[in-house]
């Protein structure tokens, strides 16, 4: 597990627009990241990829999110619960 503390981000209802791809890798100093919404937050970007998770990223939990762009998981551990991913291909 990575050094640092558990990082929890709770999002309310609404649209969250990101200008850049969210890149999580070994540079992240959290022991784990939990990103969730009980209100059905929508995350999107104008970039082709919304989220990239690389080797050495801390474990990541996503819950209750609507992700409207590609998600690339190239390493680490990612758990998704009750999430919708649109505009992504397996």
C-alpha atoms as a PDB file:
ATOM      1  CA  UNK A   1       0.000   0.000   0.000  1.00  0.00           C
ATOM      2  CA  UNK A   2       1.210   3.514  -0.778  1.00  0.00           C
ATOM      3  CA  UNK A   3       2.283   5.945   1.912  1.00  0.00           C
ATOM      4  CA  UNK A   4      -0.162   8.570   3.078  1.00  0.00           C
ATOM      5  CA  UNK A   5      -3.709   8.619   4.353  1.00  0.00           C
ATOM      6  CA  UNK A   6      -7.065   7.492   3.057  1.00  0.00           C
ATOM      7  CA  UNK A   7      -8.528  10.184   0.780  1.00  0.00           C
ATOM      8  CA  UNK A   8     -12.322  10.312   0.509  1.00  0.00           C
ATOM      9  CA  UNK A   9     -14.103  12.610  -1.942  1.00  0.00           C
ATOM     10  CA  UNK A  10     -17.904  12.743  -1.825  1.00  0.00           C
ATOM     11  CA  UNK A  11     -19.603  14.505  -4.731  1.00  0.00           C
ATOM     12  CA  UNK A  12     -23.103  15.929  -4.693  1.00  0.00           C
ATOM     13  CA  UNK A  13     -25.546  15.777  -7.581  1.00  0.00           C
ATOM     14  CA  UNK A  14     -24.521  17.639 -10.699  1.00  0.00           C
ATOM     15  CA  UNK A  15     -22.184  17.714 -13.658  1.00  0.00           C
ATOM     16  CA  UNK A  16     -18.440  17.883 -13.011  1.00  0.00           C
ATOM     17  CA  UNK A  17     -16.450  18.913 -16.105  1.00  0.00           C
ATOM     18  CA  UNK A  18     -12.683  18.302 -16.162  1.00  0.00           C
ATOM     19  CA  UNK A  19     -10.393  20.154 -18.574  1.00  0.00           C
ATOM     20  CA  UNK A  20      -7.747  17.424 -18.477  1.00  0.00           C
ATOM     21  CA  UNK A  21      -7.576  13.672 -18.003  1.00  0.00           C
ATOM     22  CA  UNK A  22      -7.399  12.628 -14.349  1.00  0.00           C
ATOM     23  CA  UNK A  23      -4.125  10.683 -14.084  1.00  0.00           C
ATOM     24  CA  UNK A  24      -3.493   8.571 -10.993  1.00  0.00           C
ATOM     25  CA  UNK A  25      -0.165   6.811 -10.576  1.00  0.00           C
ATOM     26  CA  UNK A  26       2.779   6.409  -8.257  1.00  0.00           C
ATOM     27  CA  UNK A  27       3.001  10.167  -7.689  1.00  0.00           C
ATOM     28  CA  UNK A  28      -0.234  10.093  -5.633  1.00  0.00           C
ATOM     29  CA  UNK A  29       0.583  10.242  -1.910  1.00  0.00           C
ATOM     30  CA  UNK A  30      -2.612   8.628  -0.549  1.00  0.00           C
ATOM     31  CA  UNK A  31      -2.911   5.110   0.856  1.00  0.00           C
ATOM     32  CA  UNK A  32      -6.292   4.725  -0.891  1.00  0.00           C
ATOM     33  CA  UNK A  33      -8.708   6.951  -2.825  1.00  0.00           C
ATOM     34  CA  UNK A  34     -12.483   6.691  -2.502  1.00  0.00           C
ATOM     35  CA  UNK A  35     -14.551   8.804  -4.886  1.00  0.00           C
ATOM     36  CA  UNK A  36     -18.292   8.463  -4.549  1.00  0.00           C
ATOM     37  CA  UNK A  37     -21.688  10.054  -4.944  1.00  0.00           C
ATOM     38  CA  UNK A  38     -24.951   8.976  -3.399  1.00  0.00           C
ATOM     39  CA  UNK A  39     -26.653  11.599  -5.569  1.00  0.00           C
ATOM     40  CA  UNK A  40     -25.487  10.352  -8.988  1.00  0.00           C
ATOM     41  CA  UNK A  41     -22.724  12.798  -9.941  1.00  0.00           C
ATOM     42  CA  UNK A  42     -21.787  12.948 -13.624  1.00  0.00           C
ATOM     43  CA  UNK A  43     -18.070  13.308 -14.459  1.00  0.00           C
ATOM     44  CA  UNK A  44     -17.019  14.217 -17.977  1.00  0.00           C
ATOM     45  CA  UNK A  45     -14.315  15.815 -20.062  1.00  0.00           C
ATOM     46  CA  UNK A  46     -13.853  17.035 -23.608  1.00  0.00           C
ATOM     47  CA  UNK A  47     -10.733  14.845 -23.747  1.00  0.00           C
ATOM     48  CA  UNK A  48     -11.059  11.283 -25.071  1.00  0.00           C
ATOM     49  CA  UNK A  49     -10.104   9.867 -21.652  1.00  0.00           C
ATOM     50  CA  UNK A  50     -11.561  10.928 -18.320  1.00  0.00           C
ATOM     51  CA  UNK A  51      -9.506   8.732 -15.982  1.00  0.00           C
ATOM     52  CA  UNK A  52      -6.190   6.889 -16.310  1.00  0.00           C
ATOM     53  CA  UNK A  53      -4.911   4.653 -13.514  1.00  0.00           C
ATOM     54  CA  UNK A  54      -1.301   3.504 -13.826  1.00  0.00           C
ATOM     55  CA  UNK A  55       0.992   1.128 -11.950  1.00  0.00           C
ATOM     56  CA  UNK A  56       1.800   2.071  -8.381  1.00  0.00           C
ATOM     57  CA  UNK A  57      -1.374   4.143  -7.913  1.00  0.00           C
ATOM     58  CA  UNK A  58      -3.033   3.523  -4.567  1.00  0.00           C
ATOM     59  CA  UNK A  59      -6.151   1.324  -4.540  1.00  0.00           C
ATOM     60  CA  UNK A  60      -9.144   3.258  -5.876  1.00  0.00           C
ATOM     61  CA  UNK A  61     -12.848   2.830  -5.139  1.00  0.00           C
ATOM     62  CA  UNK A  62     -15.489   4.482  -7.322  1.00  0.00           C
ATOM     63  CA  UNK A  63     -19.144   4.333  -6.304  1.00  0.00           C
ATOM     64  CA  UNK A  64     -22.361   5.820  -7.665  1.00  0.00           C
ATOM     65  CA  UNK A  65     -20.704   7.782 -10.477  1.00  0.00           C
ATOM     66  CA  UNK A  66     -21.663   8.347 -14.108  1.00  0.00           C
ATOM     67  CA  UNK A  67     -18.397   8.554 -16.074  1.00  0.00           C
ATOM     68  CA  UNK A  68     -18.847   9.997 -19.571  1.00  0.00           C
ATOM     69  CA  UNK A  69     -15.545   9.310 -21.300  1.00  0.00           C
ATOM     70  CA  UNK A  70     -13.026   6.508 -21.548  1.00  0.00           C
ATOM     71  CA  UNK A  71     -11.484   4.994 -18.431  1.00  0.00           C
ATOM     72  CA  UNK A  72      -8.050   3.359 -18.813  1.00  0.00           C
ATOM     73  CA  UNK A  73      -6.891   1.041 -16.056  1.00  0.00           C
ATOM     74  CA  UNK A  74      -3.273   0.143 -16.754  1.00  0.00           C
ATOM     75  CA  UNK A  75      -2.364  -1.059 -13.272  1.00  0.00           C
ATOM     76  CA  UNK A  76      -3.157  -0.885  -9.570  1.00  0.00           C
ATOM     77  CA  UNK A  77      -6.554  -1.889  -8.148  1.00  0.00           C
ATOM     78  CA  UNK A  78      -9.801  -0.193  -9.104  1.00  0.00           C
ATOM     79  CA  UNK A  79     -13.179  -1.227  -7.682  1.00  0.00           C
ATOM     80  CA  UNK A  80     -16.348   0.184  -9.204  1.00  0.00           C
ATOM     81  CA  UNK A  81     -19.725  -0.171  -7.556  1.00  0.00           C
ATOM     82  CA  UNK A  82     -22.954   1.138  -9.098  1.00  0.00           C
ATOM     83  CA  UNK A  83     -21.071   3.173 -11.729  1.00  0.00           C
ATOM     84  CA  UNK A  84     -21.973   3.836 -15.358  1.00  0.00           C
ATOM     85  CA  UNK A  85     -19.230   4.295 -17.945  1.00  0.00           C
ATOM     86  CA  UNK A  86     -20.291   5.785 -21.281  1.00  0.00           C
ATOM     87  CA  UNK A  87     -18.189   6.357 -24.400  1.00  0.00           C
ATOM     88  CA  UNK A  88     -15.676   3.706 -23.347  1.00  0.00           C
ATOM     89  CA  UNK A  89     -14.701   0.474 -25.030  1.00  0.00           C
ATOM     90  CA  UNK A  90     -13.391  -2.762 -23.520  1.00  0.00           C
END
